[in-house]
Protein backbone atom coordinates (compact mmCIF):
# COMPACT_ATOMS: atom_id res chain seq x y z
CA MET A 1 -22.53 23.25 -7.73
CA GLN A 2 -19.50 25.50 -7.66
CA ASN A 3 -18.52 26.92 -11.05
CA LEU A 4 -14.79 26.44 -11.65
CA PHE A 5 -14.61 27.51 -15.28
CA SER A 6 -16.59 29.36 -17.91
CA CYS A 7 -15.33 30.76 -21.19
CA THR A 8 -16.72 34.28 -20.96
CA GLY A 9 -14.43 37.30 -21.23
CA LYS A 10 -11.36 35.61 -22.74
CA SER A 11 -9.98 34.83 -26.19
CA ALA A 12 -10.33 31.32 -27.61
CA VAL A 13 -6.62 30.58 -27.09
CA ASP A 14 -6.71 31.76 -23.46
CA ASN A 15 -9.88 29.77 -22.83
CA TRP A 16 -8.37 26.51 -24.10
CA ALA A 17 -5.16 27.09 -22.13
CA ALA A 18 -7.13 27.76 -18.94
CA TRP A 19 -9.28 24.67 -19.51
CA ALA A 20 -6.21 22.48 -20.16
CA ALA A 21 -4.66 23.60 -16.85
CA LEU A 22 -7.90 23.04 -14.94
CA SER A 23 -8.59 19.60 -16.42
CA SER A 24 -5.06 18.44 -15.53
CA ARG A 25 -5.59 19.61 -11.96
CA GLU A 26 -9.04 18.08 -11.52
CA PHE A 27 -8.43 14.84 -13.45
CA TYR A 28 -4.86 13.95 -14.53
CA ASP A 29 -2.15 15.05 -16.93
CA GLY A 30 -2.74 14.59 -20.62
CA GLU A 31 -2.76 16.34 -23.98
CA LEU A 32 -5.81 18.43 -24.84
CA GLU A 33 -6.73 18.37 -28.55
CA THR A 34 -8.87 21.27 -29.72
CA ASP A 35 -9.34 23.69 -32.58
CA PRO A 36 -7.50 26.82 -31.31
CA GLY A 37 -9.70 29.06 -33.43
CA GLN A 38 -12.94 27.61 -32.11
CA THR A 39 -14.60 29.27 -29.12
CA PRO A 40 -14.97 26.62 -26.39
CA GLU A 41 -18.40 27.60 -25.02
CA LEU A 42 -17.64 25.36 -22.08
CA THR A 43 -18.56 25.38 -18.39
CA PHE A 44 -17.15 23.20 -15.63
CA ASP A 45 -18.75 22.81 -12.19
CA LYS A 46 -17.87 20.81 -9.09
CA ALA A 47 -20.31 19.50 -6.50
CA LEU A 48 -18.25 17.23 -4.28
CA GLY A 49 -14.62 16.90 -3.25
CA PHE A 50 -14.69 14.07 -0.68
CA PRO A 51 -14.46 11.08 -0.64
CA MET A 52 -14.59 11.35 -4.43
CA ALA A 53 -14.86 14.36 -6.71
CA LEU A 54 -18.05 14.94 -8.70
CA THR A 55 -17.85 17.32 -11.63
CA HIS A 56 -20.16 18.53 -14.40
CA ILE A 57 -19.25 19.60 -17.95
CA THR A 58 -21.39 21.34 -20.56
CA CYS A 59 -19.90 22.41 -23.89
CA ARG A 60 -20.80 23.20 -27.48
CA ALA A 61 -17.54 22.17 -29.13
CA SER A 62 -15.73 18.90 -29.76
CA VAL A 63 -12.86 18.36 -27.36
CA ALA A 64 -10.42 15.43 -27.32
CA TYR A 65 -7.99 14.31 -24.63
CA ARG A 66 -5.06 11.92 -24.88
CA ARG A 67 -3.21 10.28 -21.97
CA SER A 68 -0.04 8.38 -22.89
CA TRP A 69 2.46 6.22 -21.00
CA GLN A 70 4.65 9.29 -20.68
CA HIS A 71 1.85 11.20 -18.94
CA ILE A 72 1.22 8.21 -16.66
CA ARG A 73 4.88 7.97 -15.65
CA ASN A 74 5.03 11.70 -14.91
CA ASN A 75 1.67 11.89 -13.14
CA LYS A 76 0.81 8.69 -11.24
CA VAL A 77 -2.66 9.34 -9.86
CA GLY A 78 -4.41 5.97 -10.10
CA VAL A 79 -7.97 7.35 -10.17
CA ARG A 80 -10.98 5.96 -12.04
CA VAL A 81 -13.36 8.34 -13.77
CA ILE A 82 -16.94 7.08 -14.10
CA TRP A 83 -18.40 9.20 -16.90
CA PHE A 84 -22.19 9.76 -17.07
CA VAL A 85 -23.40 11.25 -20.36
CA LYS A 86 -26.61 13.33 -20.41
CA HIS A 87 -26.42 14.88 -23.89
CA GLY A 88 -24.13 14.03 -26.78
CA SER A 89 -21.60 11.22 -26.37
CA LEU A 90 -18.04 10.32 -25.35
CA LYS A 91 -15.84 8.13 -27.55
CA ILE A 92 -13.02 6.26 -25.77
CA VAL A 93 -10.21 4.51 -27.64
CA ARG A 94 -7.79 2.26 -25.71
CA SER A 95 -5.76 -0.89 -26.31
CA GLN A 96 -8.72 -3.14 -25.38
CA GLY A 97 -10.89 -1.55 -28.08
CA THR A 98 -13.22 1.37 -28.68
CA CYS A 99 -16.50 2.21 -27.00
CA THR A 100 -18.88 5.16 -27.24
CA ILE A 101 -20.88 6.27 -24.21
CA GLN A 102 -24.22 7.55 -25.46
CA ALA A 103 -26.72 9.77 -23.64
CA GLY A 104 -28.27 7.80 -20.76
CA GLU A 105 -25.17 5.60 -20.40
CA ALA A 106 -21.97 5.58 -18.38
CA GLY A 107 -18.46 4.16 -18.72
CA ILE A 108 -15.21 3.93 -16.76
CA ILE A 109 -11.80 5.40 -17.61
CA ASP A 110 -8.68 4.10 -15.85
CA SER A 111 -5.97 6.74 -15.43
CA ASN A 112 -3.31 4.00 -15.22
CA ALA A 113 -3.81 2.95 -18.85
CA PRO A 114 -3.35 5.07 -22.00
CA PHE A 115 -6.51 6.24 -23.73
CA HIS A 116 -7.92 8.79 -26.16
CA ALA A 117 -11.30 10.31 -25.29
CA LYS A 118 -13.37 12.64 -27.44
CA ILE A 119 -16.35 14.66 -26.25
CA MET A 120 -18.99 14.91 -28.99
CA CYS A 121 -22.13 17.04 -29.14
CA ASP A 122 -25.66 15.98 -30.08
CA GLY A 123 -27.89 17.34 -32.84
CA ASP A 124 -28.44 20.52 -30.82
CA SER A 125 -24.65 21.04 -30.60
CA LEU A 126 -24.66 20.27 -26.88
CA HIS A 127 -22.66 17.94 -24.69
CA GLU A 128 -23.48 17.51 -21.01
CA SER A 129 -21.97 14.96 -18.66
CA PHE A 130 -21.05 14.23 -15.04
CA GLN A 131 -17.74 12.73 -13.93
CA ALA A 132 -17.22 10.81 -10.69
CA VAL A 133 -13.47 10.90 -10.02
CA VAL A 134 -12.88 7.95 -7.67
CA PRO A 135 -9.55 7.32 -5.85
CA ALA A 136 -8.06 3.88 -6.53
CA HIS A 137 -8.50 2.55 -2.98
CA LEU A 138 -12.18 3.51 -2.94
CA PHE A 139 -12.79 2.04 -6.39
CA LEU A 140 -11.10 -1.23 -5.47
CA THR A 141 -13.07 -1.47 -2.23
CA HIS A 142 -16.49 -1.18 -3.89
CA LEU A 143 -15.87 -2.12 -7.55
CA PRO A 144 -12.93 -4.57 -7.53
CA GLU A 145 -14.42 -6.76 -10.27
CA ALA A 146 -14.86 -3.71 -12.54
CA GLU A 147 -11.10 -3.15 -12.71
CA LYS A 148 -11.02 -4.46 -16.31
CA PHE A 149 -14.48 -3.20 -17.27
CA THR A 150 -14.20 -1.34 -20.60
CA ASP A 151 -17.81 -1.45 -21.81
CA THR A 152 -20.66 1.00 -21.25
CA PHE A 153 -23.64 0.45 -18.95
CA SER A 154 -27.15 1.84 -19.20
CA LEU A 155 -28.91 3.84 -16.50
CA ASP A 156 -32.27 2.88 -18.01
CA THR A 157 -32.70 -0.14 -15.72
CA PRO A 158 -34.10 -0.52 -12.18
CA GLU A 159 -30.52 -0.62 -10.82
CA GLY A 160 -29.46 2.22 -13.10
CA ASN A 161 -32.35 4.36 -11.85
CA VAL A 162 -30.95 4.05 -8.31
CA VAL A 163 -27.54 5.21 -9.58
CA GLN A 164 -29.21 8.15 -11.35
CA ARG A 165 -31.14 9.22 -8.26
CA LEU A 166 -28.03 9.06 -6.06
CA LEU A 167 -26.11 11.02 -8.70
CA ASP A 168 -28.81 13.71 -8.65
CA VAL A 169 -28.59 13.95 -4.85
CA LEU A 170 -24.79 14.20 -4.84
CA ALA A 171 -24.79 16.74 -7.67
CA GLY A 172 -27.59 18.84 -6.22
CA GLU A 173 -26.57 18.75 -2.56
CA GLY A 174 -22.84 18.02 -2.71
CA ASP A 175 -21.89 21.57 -1.75
CA HIS A 176 -23.85 21.27 1.50
CA LEU A 177 -22.92 17.75 2.58
CA SER A 178 -20.61 17.20 5.54
CA ARG A 179 -17.89 14.58 5.22
CA LYS A 180 -19.79 12.37 7.63
CA THR A 181 -22.83 12.44 5.33
CA ALA A 182 -20.97 12.42 2.00
CA GLU A 183 -19.01 9.26 2.76
CA PRO A 184 -21.92 6.79 3.15
CA LEU A 185 -23.78 8.39 0.23
CA THR A 186 -20.73 7.95 -1.98
CA GLU A 187 -20.28 4.34 -0.87
CA SER A 188 -23.96 3.64 -1.64
CA PHE A 189 -23.51 5.30 -5.03
CA LEU A 190 -20.55 3.04 -5.88
CA GLU A 191 -22.32 -0.07 -4.63
CA ALA A 192 -25.33 0.83 -6.80
CA ILE A 193 -22.99 1.10 -9.80
CA ARG A 194 -21.59 -2.32 -8.90
CA GLU A 195 -25.10 -3.80 -9.01
CA THR A 196 -25.88 -2.01 -12.28
CA ILE A 197 -22.78 -3.43 -13.98
CA GLY A 198 -23.59 -6.89 -12.61
CA CYS A 199 -20.61 -7.44 -10.31
CA ARG A 200 -22.74 -8.93 -7.55
CA ASP A 201 -22.31 -12.35 -9.17
CA MET A 202 -18.69 -12.29 -8.00
CA GLU A 203 -19.09 -11.68 -4.26
CA VAL A 204 -16.15 -12.56 -1.98
CA PRO A 205 -16.68 -15.47 0.44
CA ARG A 206 -18.59 -14.47 3.56
CA ARG A 207 -16.11 -16.02 6.00
CA GLN A 208 -12.99 -14.47 4.52
CA ARG A 209 -10.36 -13.79 7.21
CA LEU A 210 -9.55 -10.15 7.94
CA VAL A 211 -5.87 -10.68 7.13
CA ASP A 212 -6.88 -12.21 3.78
CA LYS A 213 -8.99 -9.16 2.99
CA ARG A 214 -6.16 -6.83 3.99
CA LEU A 215 -3.75 -8.82 1.79
CA ALA A 216 -6.20 -8.46 -1.11
CA ASP A 217 -6.33 -4.68 -0.49
CA ILE A 218 -2.53 -4.51 -0.46
CA GLU A 219 -2.15 -6.61 -3.61
CA ASN A 220 -4.90 -4.67 -5.40
CA TYR A 221 -3.17 -1.39 -4.62
CA ILE A 222 0.13 -2.77 -5.92
CA LEU A 223 -1.62 -4.00 -9.09
CA MET A 224 -3.19 -0.60 -9.70
CA ASN A 225 0.13 1.21 -9.20
CA LEU A 226 2.61 -1.15 -10.86
CA THR A 227 3.93 1.63 -13.09
CA ASP A 228 4.98 3.73 -10.08
CA PRO A 229 8.77 3.30 -9.70
CA ASP A 230 8.58 4.83 -6.21
CA LEU A 231 6.10 2.26 -4.91
CA CYS A 232 7.35 1.29 -1.48
CA TYR A 233 6.36 -0.33 1.82
CA ASP A 234 5.32 2.87 3.62
CA LYS A 235 3.44 4.26 0.61
CA VAL A 236 1.33 1.11 0.20
CA ALA A 237 0.55 0.97 3.92
CA ALA A 238 -0.58 4.62 3.99
CA SER A 239 -2.70 4.20 0.85
CA CYS A 240 -4.41 1.11 2.30
CA GLY A 241 -5.15 2.90 5.57
CA ILE A 242 -2.98 0.67 7.75
CA SER A 243 0.32 1.09 9.58
CA PRO A 244 3.60 -0.28 8.19
CA ARG A 245 3.77 -2.56 11.23
CA TYR A 246 0.33 -4.02 10.49
CA LEU A 247 1.25 -4.43 6.81
CA CYS A 248 4.26 -6.48 7.96
CA TYR A 249 1.97 -8.60 10.15
CA VAL A 250 -0.46 -9.24 7.24
CA LEU A 251 2.36 -10.31 4.92
CA LYS A 252 3.89 -12.63 7.52
CA ALA A 253 0.47 -14.14 8.28
CA ASN A 254 0.20 -15.01 4.58
CA ASN A 255 3.79 -16.32 4.30
CA THR A 256 4.87 -13.67 1.83
CA SER A 257 6.86 -10.44 1.70
CA PHE A 258 6.49 -7.02 0.11
CA SER A 259 9.19 -7.71 -2.49
CA ASP A 260 7.54 -11.03 -3.40
CA LEU A 261 4.22 -9.32 -3.99
CA LEU A 262 5.82 -6.56 -6.03
CA TRP A 263 7.87 -8.77 -8.38
CA ARG A 264 5.17 -11.45 -8.57
CA ASN A 265 2.88 -8.84 -10.13
CA ARG A 266 5.35 -6.67 -12.04
CA LEU A 267 7.30 -9.36 -13.87
CA PRO A 268 4.32 -11.25 -15.43
CA LYS A 269 2.93 -7.92 -16.64
CA ALA A 270 6.29 -7.05 -18.20
CA ARG A 271 6.50 -10.52 -19.77
CA ASP A 272 3.07 -10.06 -21.34
CA TRP A 273 3.99 -6.62 -22.71
CA LEU A 274 7.19 -8.02 -24.25
CA VAL A 275 5.21 -10.30 -26.59
CA SER A 276 1.82 -8.60 -26.86
CA PRO A 277 1.02 -7.53 -30.46
CA ALA A 278 0.26 -4.01 -29.17
CA THR A 279 3.65 -3.57 -27.45
CA GLN A 280 6.01 -6.13 -29.00
CA ASP A 281 7.82 -3.37 -30.90
CA TYR A 282 8.43 -1.26 -27.80
CA PRO A 283 12.11 -0.96 -26.79
CA ILE A 284 13.15 -3.01 -23.75
CA HIS A 285 13.80 0.13 -21.69
CA GLU A 286 10.24 1.33 -22.42
CA ILE A 287 8.81 -1.99 -21.21
CA ALA A 288 10.97 -1.62 -18.09
CA PHE A 289 9.60 1.87 -17.33
CA MET A 290 6.04 0.77 -18.08
CA SER A 291 6.48 -2.02 -15.54
CA GLY A 292 7.69 0.32 -12.81
CA PHE A 293 11.43 -0.37 -13.00
CA LYS A 294 13.79 2.57 -12.62
CA SER A 295 16.35 1.15 -15.06
CA ALA A 296 16.48 -1.33 -17.92
CA ALA A 297 19.49 -3.05 -16.32
CA HIS A 298 17.59 -3.82 -13.10
CA PHE A 299 14.63 -5.04 -15.15
CA SER A 300 16.85 -7.37 -17.20
CA ARG A 301 18.50 -8.85 -14.09
CA MET A 302 15.16 -9.53 -12.37
CA PHE A 303 13.61 -10.90 -15.57
CA LYS A 304 16.50 -13.30 -16.21
CA ALA A 305 16.47 -14.51 -12.60
CA THR A 306 12.76 -15.32 -12.90
CA TYR A 307 12.37 -16.60 -16.47
CA GLY A 308 15.85 -17.95 -17.24
CA CYS A 309 16.80 -15.61 -20.06
CA PRO A 310 17.06 -11.85 -20.67
CA PRO A 311 13.92 -10.04 -21.88
CA ARG A 312 15.32 -9.41 -25.36
CA GLU A 313 16.05 -13.11 -25.83
CA TYR A 314 12.66 -14.08 -24.39
CA ARG A 315 10.97 -11.85 -26.97
CA ALA A 316 13.08 -13.32 -29.79
CA LEU A 317 12.30 -16.89 -28.73
CA ASN A 318 8.61 -16.11 -28.69
CA ALA A 319 8.81 -14.62 -32.19
CA LEU A 320 10.64 -17.70 -33.47
CA ALA A 321 8.07 -19.99 -31.89
CA GLU A 322 5.23 -18.11 -33.57
CA LYS A 323 6.96 -18.21 -36.96
CA ALA A 324 7.64 -21.92 -36.68
CA ASP A 325 4.10 -22.52 -35.47
CA VAL A 326 5.38 -24.80 -32.72
CA ALA A 327 3.65 -23.10 -29.81
CA GLY A 328 0.35 -21.62 -28.80
CA PRO A 329 -0.10 -18.57 -26.56
CA VAL A 330 2.77 -17.39 -24.38
CA GLY A 331 2.91 -19.53 -21.27
CA GLU A 332 3.31 -22.89 -23.08
CA THR A 333 6.75 -24.49 -23.07
CA VAL A 334 9.00 -23.88 -26.06
CA SER A 335 12.53 -25.12 -25.55
CA ASN A 336 15.29 -23.42 -27.52
CA GLY A 337 18.93 -23.19 -26.53
CA GLY A 338 18.23 -24.41 -23.02
CA TYR A 339 15.61 -21.73 -22.20
CA SER A 340 11.88 -22.08 -21.83
CA LEU A 341 8.89 -19.80 -22.38
CA ALA A 342 6.89 -21.53 -19.64
CA ALA A 343 4.97 -19.17 -17.39
């Protein structure tokens, strides 16, 4: 493995600053939380750069990392980090809950959702872990059902042992692998993770048409990049490995359009965020930016055209319905002043 960082020969402040810059470059933007007076005693190595990155961290200090909506808007990367802990643990806090990846386990971090992660050492004051940084298109190809997976999974199973052995090969030989060799090994590695998590129970139909599969790839990419205000026709085509002309053909073959796909996915997400307990106090313009709109005015126009009332009024109607106890979850009909909360 190639060593990219070690803390020798610098002050504690310089070390943390250098590590913050490197972690943003290798992973994604975020806020590093450390004790400035504490010496990092940290090393960072890299074994593979294509088709995913494989990195290795050892440290003897607690380090925390926070990625907010602001970071996501400024740095839209869309990667998934599959974190394998060897010594110590990693605590991840996100809106879906909290999980702790213990030694011998792994978990998945989505760069498109806010989180707080804390590296913790074991009884010998050591943390060691590997990170597989997987591009969104590769993750969705091999682990589509794990998109919402927020739990940990053990490597102490027959399937997990296969993942561990492939991880050892990629970590030990990654520097010497050609792209032609690295690609199938990486795909096997991700498929082994899929089996370990248990996603095989959700296989796609065998006789699925090619245009249906391409449409699923296109829609999955849009779903994973909804917060990107610059999401456009050409960008989606390039990211899915197809030409804009073929993307047009796929959409026509499925009787839909790019704008239909975009708003069909963005607007329900925005509607959910308007009334979700975790985000119901967010300003309307913040919900708009979170949903990928460039302005609150455009968001309000599109929302009203789809749901019959402006987002602020929709939120107020939902709050009134909850107080009056006349409706269940959002999506059931609640008539008030001529408007409806029906999905």
